[in-house]
Every structure is written in structure tokens, then in C-alpha cells.
Amino acid sequence: MRVCVVGAGASGLPAIKSCIEEGLDVVCYEKTSGIGGLWNYRPGQKNIGGTVMESTKILQILCITQKVIEYIQAYAEKFQLLEKIQFNTIVKRISRNEENKYVVQLDNGNVEIFDKLMLCTGHHAQPSYPQLKDLDKFKGTVSHAYNYTNTKGYEGKDVFLLGIGNSALDIAVDIAKLAKSVTISTRRGTWIFNRVSQGGMPYDVLLFSRYYDTLLKTVPHVLANDFMEHRLQQRMDHDLYGLRPDHRFFQQHPTVNDALANLLCAGYITITEDIDTFTENSVIVKGGREFPCDVFLTCTGYTFGFPFVDSDIIDIKNQQVPLYKYVFPPNSDSVAVIGLIQPIGSIAPISEIQSRWAARVFAGKTKLASVEEQILDMTQKKESMKKRYFDSIKHTIQVDYMTYMDEIASLIGCVPPMQKYFFSNIRFWMKLFMGPNVPYVYRLVGPNSWEGAEQAVWKVSDRVKKPLKNRQCRIRKHKKRGTTDEYFRYATQKVIVTNISILFVSGLLLYCSTTGTLPPLVYFLSFFLFFTLYGATLMWYDLQYDMTTIF
């Protein structure tokens, strides 16, 4: 059985690997000269595909692009994927013949026939351009964030950016100290989330855990939003800087940036209203303010689709994705779309879990639900998304990392058996529950499991912390053991404090009640004492918590 994989980026490589694991004959076509896709920095080569900026930092871990591509190359070499890839080969058209097989026409004139198809080209290849009034009057440079690679050419210029997503803020921060002025125009505003969380840890190793996932599914959304917004306000007052949106924190895809607050406060960047009109050398925003402009950058996102694929195979219009669990068209079990998704979290592990599922379906080892069940699932997801997020075409492929990973893993049979670990290995259960949901937890059990997965889970904290510390210093006693998660220590201490406070006050009330009826003042003083002890102790633990590494 032959499988065609289109694209050798962060989604295409795990697709190749998954096909190999299931014994499928796989061929990958990559239009550039190297692997990595978007992460392969190729200045001056935008015409053959999207590429990151020279200074790009990924959102999930503190790692520069160079390290990402080094990892991708090591991954491809480790699993011998390069021999399956045909480089500098553009797929011109994919159609379906009478035998229901896929006819792949290449730019070199060759035509290949395949039984199965995996589309792994992502969703950052086709820039979306806004329609703006009087833009034709503007005599300066107009470009899209897609075309930005580095700071060259922005020295001493007045730069105006439309949009306030991750690309806009990364560019603004990049050029802020060398441009004459940097202004960001936003229609809705946004919540700014930091890569660096408590204790200096990357936010994904703290927040993408089964513990937090359980909390989010249990706590009312209004409380979860209040909590997150309160935390973000401590870092930067979104009202003061004109950033606060009308929607709540969990109603949008987060905008992640660590440097914006400092640059706003220092005056390097200005946040302003939506654009009204243009003059020859300036931008006028709603409200009448005018900003000088030499370079106008639209940071308005991307459209996605597969223009080289016949519409009877897959048809995506207006950013709507008619795919069962964002992978399979409901009328086919021979086409899989990998990585066409916008997770709150890393996309690479999601691409891998999607690829594993698709490869098993192709190999006949896993069955898809009926067409009716698939359509129902797609409808429910669309309705759920509409209820949660504000109305925008960018909110059509949103998923929560933890929930989606478990959903696909359950179809493969590789969800970690939490109940089993709870009774057989409580320490490892705690590691899985409180620690980050790293991809190899889905290699503990099930098809193509990895015998080194458990050890890898145990050593996550070592791998995250090692590159952060390059100077030895005094280590607090409780951290010298190196095996206890700081968050677990913190949480258990708070539980102990709560129980002791309740027991103390309950004992006091019980003792006093034996002498007769208690006056209201005694109850008042007892509860006042309880909350004083409880609050003071928790404040102490919070201070300790903020000064130590949580993870």
C-alpha cells in the first residue's frame, strides 16, 4: 500500500515516521531543498514557502529557531526519514482516478499513483490581506508579516503594524529599539501571556498538565477567566496600556510575548486604535490621531487550503474545515490532513498523534466512526467553538492541547492508564498528573510503545532545567533531593495548612461550646482567627512559591 505525504515539515516528518511504523510504503514530496518547513529559516526564499523570522522564538519552550531545526534534523536522521523524501519537488495537482486512487502530478512531469494521501502543508503559507480604505494613497512601503525575516531596512523608519497577534508583537519587539517609531493598531485588543511563568519556567511545562486540565473542566469558566486575567494584570495593566479586549482570556487564542510590557513602558512601542484612512506618508486611526509611517506592515494572519488538490477530495472554503476530528474528510478513510489545527499549546505533538491515528486507519488496524457519527462530531465541535470563542474566522481550527491529545490517543489506544498507575505506582501517577503532558506519555502503552518512555517522563525536569542554570549557587535544602516536584510540595503544604486551621478552630468552638451557649462575639472571633491564620500562612507559602522553581 503506497502513501503519499505532501510536505516535510513539523507535520510531514511524523507522518512519514508513523507510516513506517505501520509497515506502509511511503513517499514524501518536499518543494524546498531541506526539511523543517516553516521552521527552516530561508531568507530570500519566501516564494517557495513560509519561513520563520531570523529571531523567532517558539511559544512553548525557551528555544531559538536554530535549535528547533537542529532537533528536526536529528529526528529525521534518527528514524531514517530522509530516504523517503524527494526534495525540490513541487506537487502541481492531486486528483482521483476511476479506481479511487490518487494521481499525483509533479512539476518535473512525473505522475505517481498512490492508495492513500496525507496532506501536511500547515496553515501559514498563504497570507491574508485586509481591504483598507485609501491604502492606494499611501506612498510608503506596504508589506505583510509573511515577508518579514529580519530587522534590516527598518533602521530609523516609522513603522506601523496592523494586528496584534503573535507575529505582530514579535516583529514590533524585534525592531523597537532601532526603528524611529513603532505603532501597533488593534481593533479588539488582546490578553498578553508570557512564555516565562512562575519560577522562570516555560508556561507549557507548568500549565499543560492533567491537574490543570481537570481544574479547567471543573471550575466555572468565569472563575478561570477571572484568575488568569488577574495574573496577567499583575505583569501589565491591560487597561492602562489600551490592550484590554471585550472578550475574556479563554475566549481567544492567546498572544504570547515577554518583552512588550517593558517596551510599552519605555515608549518604544505605541498601541493605538483601528485604522481609519491613509495619507501619502501617515496613517490616521479612528478618533482622528495621525501617525507618521514609512513602512506599513499587515499582520493579519493567513488563509489555508489545498489549491493543488481537486475539490472532490477535499474542499476548504472561508477557513471552514470539514474534517472529522480535524483529520479525515467524512466521506473518505484514505485522505488525512495533518497539522491543520491551531492548538493552545505545541502543534508538533498533535501532528504526531494525528499521524499515528491516520497511519493505523490506512493500515486497517483502526476503524473510523460511521459517516453520521463523524458529521455529528464535527457539528458539536463547531457549536462548542462558537460558544467559547468570539466570532472570528481565525477561530475555526482551535483545540485545547490536553483534551485533543487524549481524544485522538483514545482512538489509538495509547492514553496513559492513570487508574492503573494510581494503585501500582503512586509516585509515577503523581508525576503524570501534576507534571507536563509531554508527548512520550502516549508511548507508555499501546501500539508502537517505547520502553524508554517512563524514564523520559521522570527526567523531564532535568532536561528543562539543565540549560537554564550555568552557575552553581546555594540550593535550598528541600530541592537538593531533586525528585520531588516543587509544585507538589507547595500544594500539599497548603492542604495541610487548610486542614490544621479548620481542626484548630473546630476544636476551639467545641471546647467553648461545652461551657454553654456561645455569644455571637465568640463565633466572630473564632472565624476571624481562622481566616487570619489561614491567610497569613498561605501568604507565606505563596511568597516561598514565587521565589522557587515550581516544576
Protein backbone atom coordinates (compact mmCIF):
# COMPACT_ATOMS: atom_id res chain seq x y z
CA MET A 1 0.00 0.00 0.00
CA ARG A 2 1.54 3.30 -1.14
CA VAL A 3 1.08 6.50 0.85
CA CYS A 4 1.86 10.00 -0.46
CA VAL A 5 2.94 12.60 2.10
CA VAL A 6 2.98 16.22 0.91
CA GLY A 7 5.39 18.38 2.93
CA ALA A 8 8.42 17.52 5.08
CA GLY A 9 7.94 19.98 7.91
CA ALA A 10 6.99 19.51 11.55
CA SER A 11 3.84 17.67 10.44
CA GLY A 12 5.18 15.78 7.45
CA LEU A 13 8.09 14.13 9.29
CA PRO A 14 5.97 12.41 11.97
CA ALA A 15 3.57 11.40 9.18
CA ILE A 16 6.43 9.59 7.41
CA LYS A 17 7.59 8.00 10.66
CA SER A 18 4.09 6.79 11.54
CA CYS A 19 3.66 5.20 8.12
CA ILE A 20 6.98 3.38 8.55
CA GLU A 21 5.88 2.14 11.98
CA GLU A 22 2.76 0.62 10.45
CA GLY A 23 4.67 -1.01 7.59
CA LEU A 24 3.33 1.26 4.85
CA ASP A 25 5.25 2.20 1.71
CA VAL A 26 5.58 5.98 1.99
CA VAL A 27 6.91 8.68 -0.34
CA CYS A 28 7.15 12.34 0.68
CA TYR A 29 7.35 15.30 -1.69
CA GLU A 30 9.01 18.48 -0.40
CA LYS A 31 9.16 21.58 -2.61
CA THR A 32 12.21 23.07 -0.88
CA SER A 33 15.74 21.72 -0.62
CA GLY A 34 15.52 20.79 3.07
CA ILE A 35 13.29 19.55 5.86
CA GLY A 36 11.63 21.64 8.56
CA GLY A 37 9.06 23.54 6.53
CA LEU A 38 8.15 26.77 8.32
CA TRP A 39 10.98 26.26 10.84
CA ASN A 40 13.66 26.08 8.14
CA TYR A 41 14.85 29.69 8.02
CA ARG A 42 15.32 30.59 4.36
CA PRO A 43 15.87 34.33 3.90
CA GLY A 44 15.03 35.45 0.40
CA GLN A 45 13.12 32.26 -0.43
CA LYS A 46 9.58 33.21 0.56
CA ASN A 47 8.37 32.42 -2.94
CA ILE A 48 8.68 28.69 -2.25
CA GLY A 49 7.01 28.58 1.14
CA GLY A 50 6.66 30.24 4.52
CA THR A 51 9.61 30.62 6.85
CA VAL A 52 10.11 31.95 10.35
CA MET A 53 11.87 35.19 11.17
CA GLU A 54 15.59 35.15 11.94
CA SER A 55 14.88 35.97 15.60
CA THR A 56 11.86 33.72 16.09
CA LYS A 57 11.37 32.11 19.49
CA ILE A 58 8.83 29.31 19.69
CA LEU A 59 5.94 29.86 22.05
CA GLN A 60 6.16 26.72 24.15
CA ILE A 61 9.79 26.46 25.26
CA LEU A 62 12.62 28.95 25.51
CA CYS A 63 14.45 27.87 22.40
CA ILE A 64 15.67 29.73 19.31
CA THR A 65 14.74 28.60 15.83
CA GLN A 66 18.22 27.23 15.18
CA LYS A 67 17.77 24.69 17.97
CA VAL A 68 14.37 23.71 16.62
CA ILE A 69 15.74 22.92 13.17
CA GLU A 70 18.68 21.03 14.74
CA TYR A 71 16.18 18.87 16.61
CA ILE A 72 14.12 18.31 13.45
CA GLN A 73 17.23 17.22 11.54
CA ALA A 74 18.28 14.88 14.35
CA TYR A 75 14.75 13.43 14.41
CA ALA A 76 14.81 12.74 10.67
CA GLU A 77 18.23 11.10 10.86
CA LYS A 78 17.39 9.02 13.93
CA PHE A 79 14.35 7.42 12.27
CA GLN A 80 15.85 7.31 8.76
CA LEU A 81 13.20 9.54 7.22
CA LEU A 82 15.37 11.38 4.70
CA GLU A 83 15.48 8.44 2.33
CA LYS A 84 11.70 8.65 1.96
CA ILE A 85 11.74 12.32 0.88
CA GLN A 86 12.07 13.72 -2.64
CA PHE A 87 13.35 17.31 -2.29
CA ASN A 88 12.84 20.23 -4.70
CA THR A 89 9.71 18.51 -5.95
CA ILE A 90 6.51 20.53 -6.23
CA VAL A 91 3.13 18.79 -6.32
CA LYS A 92 1.16 20.52 -9.08
CA ARG A 93 -2.11 18.60 -8.83
CA ILE A 94 -3.69 15.70 -6.98
CA SER A 95 -6.77 14.07 -8.48
CA ARG A 96 -8.64 10.80 -8.10
CA ASN A 97 -8.94 8.19 -10.84
CA GLU A 98 -11.72 5.68 -11.57
CA GLU A 99 -10.11 3.13 -9.24
CA ASN A 100 -10.40 5.65 -6.39
CA LYS A 101 -6.64 6.03 -6.19
CA TYR A 102 -4.73 9.30 -6.04
CA VAL A 103 -2.97 10.64 -9.13
CA VAL A 104 -0.10 12.93 -8.11
CA GLN A 105 1.27 15.16 -10.86
CA LEU A 106 4.71 16.65 -10.15
CA ASP A 107 6.35 19.73 -11.60
CA ASN A 108 9.07 17.62 -13.19
CA GLY A 109 6.46 15.92 -15.38
CA ASN A 110 6.29 12.66 -13.45
CA VAL A 111 2.93 11.16 -12.46
CA GLU A 112 2.65 8.80 -9.49
CA ILE A 113 -0.29 6.69 -8.25
CA PHE A 114 -0.98 6.23 -4.52
CA ASP A 115 -3.53 4.39 -2.40
CA LYS A 116 -3.53 6.88 0.46
CA LEU A 117 -2.82 10.59 0.90
CA MET A 118 -1.51 12.69 3.81
CA LEU A 119 -1.53 16.49 3.41
CA CYS A 120 0.99 18.14 5.76
CA THR A 121 1.47 21.67 4.43
CA GLY A 122 0.23 23.54 7.52
CA HIS A 123 -1.68 26.80 7.64
CA HIS A 124 0.94 29.57 7.43
CA ALA A 125 1.69 29.54 3.70
CA GLN A 126 -0.95 31.86 2.19
CA PRO A 127 -1.03 35.41 3.63
CA SER A 128 -4.38 37.06 4.24
CA TYR A 129 -4.56 40.68 3.06
CA PRO A 130 -7.16 43.10 4.51
CA GLN A 131 -9.24 45.55 2.49
CA LEU A 132 -8.31 49.05 3.73
CA LYS A 133 -9.80 52.40 2.74
CA ASP A 134 -7.49 54.77 0.82
CA LEU A 135 -4.47 52.48 1.08
CA ASP A 136 -3.67 53.41 -2.52
CA LYS A 137 -2.91 56.98 -1.34
CA PHE A 138 -0.05 55.76 0.81
CA LYS A 139 3.37 56.21 -0.86
CA GLY A 140 5.45 54.26 1.63
CA THR A 141 6.29 50.56 1.73
CA VAL A 142 3.39 48.11 2.21
CA SER A 143 4.13 44.52 3.16
CA HIS A 144 2.76 41.51 5.03
CA ALA A 145 4.31 39.89 8.11
CA TYR A 146 4.83 36.88 5.84
CA ASN A 147 7.62 38.81 4.10
CA TYR A 148 9.42 39.87 7.29
CA THR A 149 12.65 37.98 8.02
CA ASN A 150 14.93 40.32 10.00
CA THR A 151 15.44 43.94 11.07
CA LYS A 152 17.44 45.03 8.02
CA GLY A 153 15.83 48.03 6.33
CA TYR A 154 13.81 49.17 9.36
CA GLU A 155 16.53 51.35 10.90
CA GLY A 156 15.30 54.88 11.57
CA LYS A 157 11.89 54.22 9.99
CA ASP A 158 8.39 54.98 11.25
CA VAL A 159 6.78 51.54 11.26
CA PHE A 160 3.03 50.95 11.60
CA LEU A 161 1.70 47.42 12.17
CA LEU A 162 -1.90 46.31 11.72
CA GLY A 163 -2.85 43.44 14.03
CA ILE A 164 -1.88 42.32 17.49
CA GLY A 165 -1.25 38.60 17.16
CA ASN A 166 1.99 36.76 17.85
CA SER A 167 3.61 37.78 14.56
CA ALA A 168 2.82 41.48 15.05
CA LEU A 169 4.25 41.57 18.56
CA ASP A 170 7.34 39.55 17.65
CA ILE A 171 8.11 41.97 14.80
CA ALA A 172 7.38 45.05 16.92
CA VAL A 173 9.67 43.82 19.69
CA ASP A 174 12.35 42.91 17.15
CA ILE A 175 12.57 46.36 15.57
CA ALA A 176 11.53 48.55 18.53
CA LYS A 177 14.99 49.79 19.51
CA LEU A 178 16.27 50.54 16.02
CA ALA A 179 13.17 51.97 14.30
CA LYS A 180 12.29 55.64 14.71
CA SER A 181 8.82 54.68 15.96
CA VAL A 182 6.74 51.51 16.20
CA THR A 183 2.94 51.71 16.36
CA ILE A 184 0.53 48.78 16.64
CA SER A 185 -3.10 49.17 15.56
CA THR A 186 -5.67 46.84 17.07
CA ARG A 187 -9.41 46.62 16.63
CA ARG A 188 -10.20 44.28 19.54
CA GLY A 189 -7.17 44.34 21.82
CA THR A 190 -5.79 41.16 23.35
CA TRP A 191 -4.57 39.46 26.51
CA ILE A 192 -0.78 39.23 26.65
CA PHE A 193 0.51 35.96 28.05
CA ASN A 194 4.14 35.31 28.97
CA ARG A 195 6.33 32.46 27.78
CA VAL A 196 8.08 32.62 31.14
CA SER A 197 5.80 31.66 34.00
CA GLN A 198 6.28 31.24 37.77
CA GLY A 199 9.76 30.31 38.86
CA GLY A 200 11.14 31.23 35.42
CA MET A 201 9.72 28.08 33.86
CA PRO A 202 8.25 27.89 30.33
CA TYR A 203 4.50 28.15 30.67
CA ASP A 204 3.73 24.87 28.89
CA VAL A 205 5.62 22.75 31.42
CA LEU A 206 3.54 24.29 34.18
CA LEU A 207 0.07 24.66 32.71
CA PHE A 208 -0.27 21.75 30.27
CA SER A 209 -0.85 19.07 32.87
CA ARG A 210 -3.68 16.75 33.79
CA TYR A 211 -4.05 18.67 37.03
CA TYR A 212 -4.74 21.97 35.27
CA ASP A 213 -6.86 20.25 32.64
CA THR A 214 -9.03 18.80 35.41
CA LEU A 215 -9.31 22.22 37.05
CA LEU A 216 -10.39 23.89 33.80
CA LYS A 217 -13.06 21.26 33.26
CA THR A 218 -14.29 21.58 36.86
CA VAL A 219 -14.06 25.26 37.74
CA PRO A 220 -16.69 27.57 36.18
CA HIS A 221 -15.23 29.43 33.22
CA VAL A 222 -16.00 32.79 34.78
CA LEU A 223 -13.73 31.95 37.72
CA ALA A 224 -10.99 30.54 35.49
CA ASN A 225 -11.08 33.71 33.39
CA ASP A 226 -11.01 35.92 36.49
CA PHE A 227 -7.98 34.05 37.83
CA MET A 228 -5.98 34.21 34.59
CA GLU A 229 -6.83 37.83 33.91
CA HIS A 230 -5.83 38.77 37.46
CA ARG A 231 -2.45 37.07 36.97
CA LEU A 232 -1.88 38.86 33.65
CA GLN A 233 -2.82 42.21 35.16
CA GLN A 234 -0.03 41.80 37.74
CA ARG A 235 2.50 41.73 34.92
CA MET A 236 0.95 44.52 32.82
CA ASP A 237 -2.19 46.59 33.35
CA HIS A 238 -4.09 45.93 30.13
CA ASP A 239 -6.45 48.86 30.82
CA LEU A 240 -3.60 51.32 31.29
CA TYR A 241 -1.88 50.34 28.04
CA GLY A 242 -5.08 50.13 25.98
CA LEU A 243 -4.83 46.38 25.47
CA ARG A 244 -7.87 45.04 27.31
CA PRO A 245 -10.27 43.32 24.88
CA ASP A 246 -14.02 42.91 25.34
CA HIS A 247 -13.66 39.11 25.36
CA ARG A 248 -12.35 37.02 28.24
CA PHE A 249 -8.97 35.29 28.38
CA PHE A 250 -10.19 31.82 27.39
CA GLN A 251 -12.28 33.21 24.52
CA GLN A 252 -9.33 33.73 22.20
CA HIS A 253 -6.11 32.15 21.07
CA PRO A 254 -3.54 33.69 23.46
CA THR A 255 -0.99 36.25 22.30
CA VAL A 256 2.37 35.36 23.81
CA ASN A 257 5.14 37.89 24.39
CA ASP A 258 7.61 38.54 27.20
CA ALA A 259 9.10 41.90 26.18
CA LEU A 260 6.08 44.01 25.25
CA ALA A 261 5.39 45.41 28.74
CA ASN A 262 8.90 46.80 29.12
CA LEU A 263 8.93 48.36 25.65
CA LEU A 264 5.49 49.93 26.10
CA CYS A 265 6.54 51.44 29.42
CA ALA A 266 9.78 52.77 27.92
CA GLY A 267 7.94 54.34 24.99
CA TYR A 268 9.48 52.21 22.24
CA ILE A 269 6.06 50.86 21.15
CA THR A 270 2.66 52.57 20.99
CA ILE A 271 -0.73 50.82 20.98
CA THR A 272 -3.49 52.62 19.12
CA GLU A 273 -6.99 52.18 17.66
CA ASP A 274 -8.17 50.56 14.43
CA ILE A 275 -7.20 52.21 11.14
CA ASP A 276 -9.50 54.76 9.54
CA THR A 277 -7.63 56.04 6.48
CA PHE A 278 -4.24 56.88 4.96
CA THR A 279 -2.37 59.89 3.64
CA GLU A 280 0.77 59.81 1.49
CA ASN A 281 3.05 59.39 4.50
CA SER A 282 0.87 58.65 7.53
CA VAL A 283 -1.88 56.51 8.98
CA ILE A 284 -4.99 58.03 10.56
CA VAL A 285 -6.79 55.90 13.13
CA LYS A 286 -10.36 56.07 14.36
CA GLY A 287 -10.65 59.00 16.71
CA GLY A 288 -8.53 61.21 14.48
CA ARG A 289 -4.96 60.59 15.69
CA GLU A 290 -2.37 60.59 12.92
CA PHE A 291 0.87 58.59 12.94
CA PRO A 292 3.82 59.12 10.56
CA CYS A 293 4.55 55.97 8.56
CA ASP A 294 7.35 54.87 6.27
CA VAL A 295 6.60 51.13 6.41
CA PHE A 296 3.11 49.68 6.78
CA LEU A 297 3.02 46.01 7.83
CA THR A 298 -0.20 43.99 7.78
CA CYS A 299 -0.01 41.26 10.42
CA THR A 300 -3.44 39.85 9.60
CA GLY A 301 -2.81 36.14 9.56
CA TYR A 302 -3.15 33.52 6.90
CA THR A 303 -5.69 31.65 4.88
CA PHE A 304 -5.35 27.93 4.41
CA GLY A 305 -6.38 25.31 1.94
CA PHE A 306 -5.06 22.93 -0.68
CA PRO A 307 -5.38 24.61 -4.10
CA PHE A 308 -3.42 21.77 -5.74
CA VAL A 309 -5.95 19.15 -4.59
CA ASP A 310 -9.19 18.56 -6.52
CA SER A 311 -12.28 19.70 -4.62
CA ASP A 312 -13.89 16.26 -4.77
CA ILE A 313 -11.05 15.04 -2.49
CA ILE A 314 -11.09 17.93 -0.01
CA ASP A 315 -12.69 21.36 -0.23
CA ILE A 316 -11.90 24.11 2.27
CA LYS A 317 -13.62 27.49 1.92
CA ASN A 318 -13.76 30.54 4.19
CA GLN A 319 -11.41 28.91 6.70
CA GLN A 320 -14.03 26.24 7.46
CA VAL A 321 -12.50 22.78 7.91
CA PRO A 322 -14.91 19.91 7.10
CA LEU A 323 -12.76 17.25 8.75
CA TYR A 324 -13.61 14.58 11.30
CA LYS A 325 -11.52 15.44 14.37
CA TYR A 326 -9.62 17.84 12.08
CA VAL A 327 -8.03 14.92 10.20
CA PHE A 328 -10.37 12.93 7.91
CA PRO A 329 -12.95 14.14 5.38
CA PRO A 330 -16.20 12.41 6.41
CA ASN A 331 -16.52 10.71 3.04
CA SER A 332 -13.09 9.05 3.00
CA ASP A 333 -10.73 6.95 5.08
CA SER A 334 -7.89 7.29 2.57
CA VAL A 335 -7.13 11.03 2.97
CA ALA A 336 -5.69 12.54 6.14
CA VAL A 337 -4.86 16.18 6.85
CA ILE A 338 -2.08 16.55 9.39
CA GLY A 339 -1.31 19.74 11.33
CA LEU A 340 -4.17 21.89 10.03
CA ILE A 341 -5.02 22.91 13.55
CA GLN A 342 -4.49 25.81 15.97
CA PRO A 343 -3.80 24.42 19.43
CA ILE A 344 -3.36 26.32 22.65
CA GLY A 345 -0.04 24.56 23.00
CA SER A 346 2.50 22.93 20.74
CA ILE A 347 1.44 21.70 17.31
CA ALA A 348 4.24 19.15 16.80
CA PRO A 349 2.96 16.56 19.33
CA ILE A 350 -0.53 16.97 17.90
CA SER A 351 0.77 16.32 14.39
CA GLU A 352 2.44 13.17 15.66
CA ILE A 353 -0.67 11.82 17.39
CA GLN A 354 -2.76 12.63 14.29
CA SER A 355 -0.22 10.83 12.10
CA ARG A 356 -0.23 7.75 14.30
CA TRP A 357 -4.02 7.57 14.12
CA ALA A 358 -4.12 8.14 10.36
CA ALA A 359 -1.43 5.52 9.68
CA ARG A 360 -3.34 2.91 11.69
CA VAL A 361 -6.54 3.73 9.78
CA PHE A 362 -4.65 3.39 6.49
CA ALA A 363 -3.21 0.04 7.62
CA GLY A 364 -6.70 -1.24 8.51
CA LYS A 365 -5.85 -1.58 12.20
CA THR A 366 -8.29 1.10 13.37
CA LYS A 367 -11.79 1.79 12.05
CA LEU A 368 -13.37 5.21 11.67
CA ALA A 369 -16.79 6.01 13.07
CA SER A 370 -19.76 5.95 10.71
CA VAL A 371 -20.30 8.96 8.45
CA GLU A 372 -23.30 10.03 10.54
CA GLU A 373 -21.23 9.92 13.76
CA GLN A 374 -18.42 11.85 12.10
CA ILE A 375 -20.75 14.62 10.94
CA LEU A 376 -22.33 14.81 14.40
CA ASP A 377 -18.89 15.15 16.00
CA MET A 378 -17.94 17.91 13.55
CA THR A 379 -21.19 19.77 14.25
CA GLN A 380 -20.74 19.53 18.02
CA LYS A 381 -17.16 20.82 17.80
CA LYS A 382 -18.25 23.75 15.66
CA GLU A 383 -21.05 24.67 18.08
CA SER A 384 -18.75 24.33 21.09
CA MET A 385 -16.17 26.58 19.46
CA LYS A 386 -18.80 29.17 18.62
CA LYS A 387 -19.95 29.28 22.26
CA ARG A 388 -16.45 29.61 23.67
CA TYR A 389 -14.59 31.97 21.30
CA PHE A 390 -15.51 35.40 19.99
CA ASP A 391 -16.73 35.41 16.39
CA SER A 392 -13.74 35.37 14.05
CA ILE A 393 -12.56 33.34 11.06
CA LYS A 394 -9.35 32.61 12.96
CA HIS A 395 -11.34 30.55 15.46
CA THR A 396 -12.25 27.64 13.20
CA ILE A 397 -9.47 25.18 13.97
CA GLN A 398 -8.92 25.84 17.69
CA VAL A 399 -8.33 22.96 20.11
CA ASP A 400 -7.13 22.57 23.69
CA TYR A 401 -3.86 20.67 23.69
CA MET A 402 -4.58 18.24 26.54
CA THR A 403 -8.17 17.46 25.60
CA TYR A 404 -7.41 16.92 21.93
CA MET A 405 -4.31 14.79 22.55
CA ASP A 406 -6.28 12.46 24.83
CA GLU A 407 -9.18 12.37 22.37
CA ILE A 408 -7.02 11.12 19.50
CA ALA A 409 -4.91 8.89 21.78
CA SER A 410 -8.07 7.12 22.94
CA LEU A 411 -8.76 6.15 19.31
CA ILE A 412 -5.27 4.67 19.06
CA GLY A 413 -5.32 3.01 22.48
CA CYS A 414 -2.34 4.86 23.95
CA VAL A 415 -3.86 7.06 26.67
CA PRO A 416 -1.73 6.59 29.80
CA PRO A 417 -3.57 4.26 32.24
CA MET A 418 -3.87 6.70 35.14
CA GLN A 419 -6.03 4.41 37.28
CA LYS A 420 -3.53 1.58 36.95
CA TYR A 421 -0.62 3.82 37.97
CA PHE A 422 -2.60 5.22 40.90
CA PHE A 423 -2.78 1.78 42.50
CA SER A 424 0.54 0.35 41.32
CA ASN A 425 2.92 3.32 41.29
CA ILE A 426 1.53 6.37 43.06
CA ARG A 427 4.72 8.41 42.60
CA PHE A 428 4.62 7.97 38.85
CA TRP A 429 0.88 8.72 38.84
CA MET A 430 1.66 12.00 40.61
CA LYS A 431 4.35 12.76 38.04
CA LEU A 432 1.86 12.21 35.21
CA PHE A 433 -0.94 14.11 36.93
CA MET A 434 0.97 17.16 38.17
CA GLY A 435 3.77 17.27 35.60
CA PRO A 436 3.72 18.49 31.99
CA ASN A 437 1.86 16.34 29.49
CA VAL A 438 4.91 15.63 27.34
CA PRO A 439 4.38 13.68 24.08
CA TYR A 440 6.01 10.48 25.26
CA VAL A 441 3.31 9.84 27.86
CA TYR A 442 1.47 8.48 24.81
CA ARG A 443 4.28 5.98 24.24
CA LEU A 444 3.93 4.35 27.66
CA VAL A 445 1.32 1.86 26.45
CA GLY A 446 -0.47 0.94 23.24
CA PRO A 447 0.73 0.42 19.67
CA ASN A 448 4.38 1.30 18.99
CA SER A 449 5.05 2.00 22.66
CA TRP A 450 8.58 2.94 23.75
CA GLU A 451 10.34 1.18 26.59
CA GLY A 452 12.22 4.36 27.48
CA ALA A 453 9.05 6.45 27.86
CA GLU A 454 8.70 6.11 31.63
CA GLN A 455 12.31 7.08 32.26
CA ALA A 456 11.91 10.03 29.89
CA VAL A 457 8.89 11.23 31.89
CA TRP A 458 10.88 11.03 35.12
CA LYS A 459 13.69 13.11 33.64
CA VAL A 460 11.62 15.92 32.12
CA SER A 461 12.51 18.39 34.86
CA ASP A 462 16.22 17.68 34.46
CA ARG A 463 16.09 18.31 30.72
CA VAL A 464 14.15 21.55 31.14
CA LYS A 465 16.29 22.94 33.95
CA LYS A 466 19.76 21.94 32.75
CA PRO A 467 20.15 24.58 30.02
CA LEU A 468 18.76 27.30 32.32
CA LYS A 469 21.43 27.04 35.01
CA ASN A 470 25.02 27.77 34.10
CA ARG A 471 26.25 28.90 37.50
CA GLN A 472 26.27 26.91 40.70
CA CYS A 473 24.80 28.57 43.77
CA ARG A 474 23.29 27.70 47.12
CA ILE A 475 20.35 25.32 46.77
CA ARG A 476 17.54 25.25 49.30
CA LYS A 477 17.52 22.07 51.34
CA HIS A 478 14.20 20.69 50.11
CA LYS A 479 15.35 20.97 46.48
CA LYS A 480 18.60 19.03 46.86
CA ARG A 481 16.78 15.71 46.61
CA GLY A 482 15.88 16.52 43.05
CA THR A 483 12.97 14.09 42.75
CA THR A 484 10.05 15.96 44.32
CA ASP A 485 8.18 18.42 42.13
CA GLU A 486 8.14 21.83 43.78
CA TYR A 487 4.51 22.33 42.87
CA PHE A 488 3.52 19.12 44.65
CA ARG A 489 5.37 20.27 47.76
CA TYR A 490 3.64 23.64 47.59
CA ALA A 491 0.18 22.15 47.05
CA THR A 492 0.47 19.59 49.85
CA GLN A 493 1.64 22.23 52.32
CA LYS A 494 -1.39 24.37 51.53
CA VAL A 495 -3.66 21.37 52.07
CA ILE A 496 -2.01 20.71 55.43
CA VAL A 497 -2.41 24.36 56.43
CA THR A 498 -6.08 24.31 55.50
CA ASN A 499 -6.78 21.16 57.49
CA ILE A 500 -4.85 22.31 60.56
CA SER A 501 -6.63 25.68 60.55
CA ILE A 502 -10.05 24.00 60.31
CA LEU A 503 -9.20 21.48 63.04
CA PHE A 504 -7.86 24.20 65.36
CA VAL A 505 -10.90 26.46 65.05
CA SER A 506 -13.31 23.49 65.23
CA GLY A 507 -11.59 22.31 68.40
CA LEU A 508 -11.77 25.78 69.89
CA LEU A 509 -15.50 26.05 69.16
CA LEU A 510 -16.12 22.54 70.54
CA TYR A 511 -14.26 23.36 73.75
CA CYS A 512 -16.12 26.64 74.23
CA SER A 513 -19.50 25.04 73.47
CA THR A 514 -19.14 22.67 76.46
CA THR A 515 -19.47 25.67 78.78
CA GLY A 516 -22.87 26.62 77.43
CA THR A 517 -24.36 28.77 74.72
CA LEU A 518 -21.73 30.84 72.95
CA PRO A 519 -22.29 34.55 72.38
CA PRO A 520 -22.06 35.75 68.74
CA LEU A 521 -18.79 37.53 69.51
CA VAL A 522 -17.04 34.21 70.15
CA TYR A 523 -18.07 32.87 66.75
CA PHE A 524 -16.94 36.06 65.12
CA LEU A 525 -13.56 36.00 66.83
CA SER A 526 -13.11 32.28 66.05
CA PHE A 527 -13.70 32.74 62.34
CA PHE A 528 -11.59 35.88 62.37
CA LEU A 529 -8.78 33.87 63.94
CA PHE A 530 -9.24 31.09 61.38
CA PHE A 531 -9.02 33.37 58.37
CA THR A 532 -6.11 35.28 59.89
CA LEU A 533 -4.09 32.12 60.49
CA TYR A 534 -5.09 30.63 57.18
CA GLY A 535 -4.45 33.77 55.15
CA ALA A 536 -1.14 34.58 56.81
CA THR A 537 0.17 31.05 56.34
CA LEU A 538 -0.93 30.85 52.73
CA MET A 539 0.68 34.21 52.06
CA TRP A 540 3.92 32.82 53.46
CA TYR A 541 3.72 29.76 51.22
CA ASP A 542 2.86 31.93 48.22
CA LEU A 543 5.95 34.02 48.84
CA GLN A 544 8.05 30.88 49.12
CA TYR A 545 6.40 29.54 45.98
CA ASP A 546 7.13 32.66 43.95
CA MET A 547 10.78 32.58 44.95
CA THR A 548 11.41 28.99 43.99
CA THR A 549 11.20 26.79 40.96
CA ILE A 550 7.77 25.22 40.80
CA PHE A 551 8.46 22.48 38.38
